[in-house]
Amino acid sequence: MLKIKTDVIVRILLEIAILALIVGAPDLAFAQAGAGSSGPFATGLTSMQTTLFAWLTPLAVILVMALGALAMANRMSWGWCIAAILGIVIAFGATQIVTWIRGMFAV
């Protein structure tokens, strides 16, 4: 005869209840308050993005100058150059990339 312990049954029922709560209340899982929300989290992220761009802009310029100097001296692997350029494109084009991807999926 199959014998199931009580704690296993309670655990299964608890998991089913949690799953039903998650499926039944999807509004609790949304991470944003809607388009155009300007809460403290969005304000903080915008401030962080502005500060990060202020720091990254001169670093990107110095990196491109260093890569140019290494290329002139023939001391550079082109893999490093491509990786640096891709990093700059991703760092400064993140907002446009996200907008483009959201547009593809109509979000």
Protein backbone atom coordinates (compact mmCIF):
# COMPACT_ATOMS: atom_id res chain seq x y z
CA MET A 1 0.00 0.00 0.00
CA LEU A 2 1.25 3.51 -0.89
CA LYS A 3 2.03 5.52 2.19
CA ILE A 4 2.35 9.31 1.86
CA LYS A 5 3.61 11.39 4.73
CA THR A 6 1.52 14.26 6.03
CA ASP A 7 4.29 16.83 5.58
CA VAL A 8 4.55 15.96 1.89
CA ILE A 9 0.81 16.49 1.41
CA VAL A 10 0.95 19.82 3.26
CA ARG A 11 3.91 20.92 1.15
CA ILE A 12 2.14 20.01 -2.10
CA LEU A 13 -1.03 21.83 -1.04
CA LEU A 14 1.01 24.89 -0.05
CA GLU A 15 2.77 24.91 -3.43
CA ILE A 16 -0.58 24.64 -5.23
CA ALA A 17 -1.97 27.53 -3.15
CA ILE A 18 1.04 29.72 -3.92
CA LEU A 19 0.80 28.88 -7.63
CA ALA A 20 -2.91 29.70 -7.62
CA LEU A 21 -2.17 33.03 -5.91
CA ILE A 22 0.49 33.90 -8.48
CA VAL A 23 -1.68 32.93 -11.42
CA GLY A 24 -4.79 34.52 -9.96
CA ALA A 25 -3.19 37.86 -9.13
CA PRO A 26 -0.80 38.79 -11.96
CA ASP A 27 -0.89 42.48 -11.01
CA LEU A 28 1.35 41.69 -8.04
CA ALA A 29 4.14 40.55 -10.38
CA PHE A 30 4.35 43.71 -12.48
CA ALA A 31 7.58 45.60 -11.92
CA GLN A 32 6.37 48.91 -13.32
CA ALA A 33 3.46 51.11 -12.45
CA GLY A 34 2.72 51.86 -16.09
CA ALA A 35 3.98 54.02 -18.89
CA GLY A 36 5.29 57.35 -17.71
CA SER A 37 5.64 56.39 -14.06
CA SER A 38 7.84 58.80 -12.16
CA GLY A 39 8.22 57.24 -8.76
CA PRO A 40 11.32 57.36 -6.62
CA PHE A 41 12.74 54.22 -8.26
CA ALA A 42 12.46 55.67 -11.77
CA THR A 43 13.91 58.98 -10.60
CA GLY A 44 16.85 57.21 -8.98
CA LEU A 45 17.53 55.13 -12.07
CA THR A 46 17.42 58.21 -14.30
CA SER A 47 19.88 59.96 -12.01
CA MET A 48 22.16 56.92 -11.98
CA GLN A 49 22.05 56.71 -15.78
CA THR A 50 22.97 60.39 -16.11
CA THR A 51 25.87 60.00 -13.69
CA LEU A 52 27.07 56.83 -15.39
CA PHE A 53 27.06 58.51 -18.81
CA ALA A 54 28.97 61.45 -17.38
CA TRP A 55 31.69 59.05 -16.21
CA LEU A 56 31.67 56.77 -19.25
CA THR A 57 31.95 59.47 -21.91
CA PRO A 58 35.54 60.53 -21.14
CA LEU A 59 36.54 56.92 -20.47
CA ALA A 60 35.22 55.88 -23.88
CA VAL A 61 37.17 58.69 -25.55
CA ILE A 62 40.37 57.68 -23.75
CA LEU A 63 39.76 54.02 -24.66
CA VAL A 64 39.35 54.84 -28.36
CA MET A 65 42.53 56.97 -28.26
CA ALA A 66 44.46 54.14 -26.59
CA LEU A 67 43.17 51.63 -29.12
CA GLY A 68 44.22 53.95 -31.94
CA ALA A 69 47.72 54.29 -30.46
CA LEU A 70 48.01 50.52 -30.08
CA ALA A 71 46.82 50.01 -33.66
CA MET A 72 49.42 52.50 -34.96
CA ALA A 73 52.14 50.63 -33.07
CA ASN A 74 50.81 47.28 -34.39
CA ARG A 75 50.52 45.97 -30.80
CA MET A 76 46.82 45.22 -30.67
CA SER A 77 44.64 42.18 -31.13
CA TRP A 78 41.65 43.16 -33.24
CA GLY A 79 39.41 41.07 -30.99
CA TRP A 80 40.05 43.60 -28.18
CA CYS A 81 39.20 46.45 -30.53
CA ILE A 82 35.92 44.88 -31.63
CA ALA A 83 35.01 44.05 -28.01
CA ALA A 84 35.73 47.62 -26.89
CA ILE A 85 33.65 49.13 -29.70
CA LEU A 86 30.78 46.72 -28.98
CA GLY A 87 30.95 47.66 -25.30
CA ILE A 88 30.77 51.36 -26.14
CA VAL A 89 27.83 50.79 -28.49
CA ILE A 90 25.95 48.77 -25.86
CA ALA A 91 26.71 51.23 -23.05
CA PHE A 92 25.62 54.34 -24.92
CA GLY A 93 22.92 52.75 -27.06
CA ALA A 94 21.14 50.79 -24.32
CA THR A 95 18.08 53.03 -24.31
CA GLN A 96 17.70 52.82 -28.09
CA ILE A 97 18.31 49.05 -28.07
CA VAL A 98 15.59 48.51 -25.46
CA THR A 99 13.17 50.74 -27.38
CA TRP A 100 13.91 48.84 -30.59
CA ILE A 101 13.39 45.40 -28.96
CA ARG A 102 10.18 46.55 -27.24
CA GLY A 103 8.96 47.83 -30.61
CA MET A 104 9.64 44.46 -32.24
CA PHE A 105 7.44 42.68 -29.70
CA ALA A 106 4.85 45.47 -29.42
CA VAL A 107 5.35 45.93 -25.68
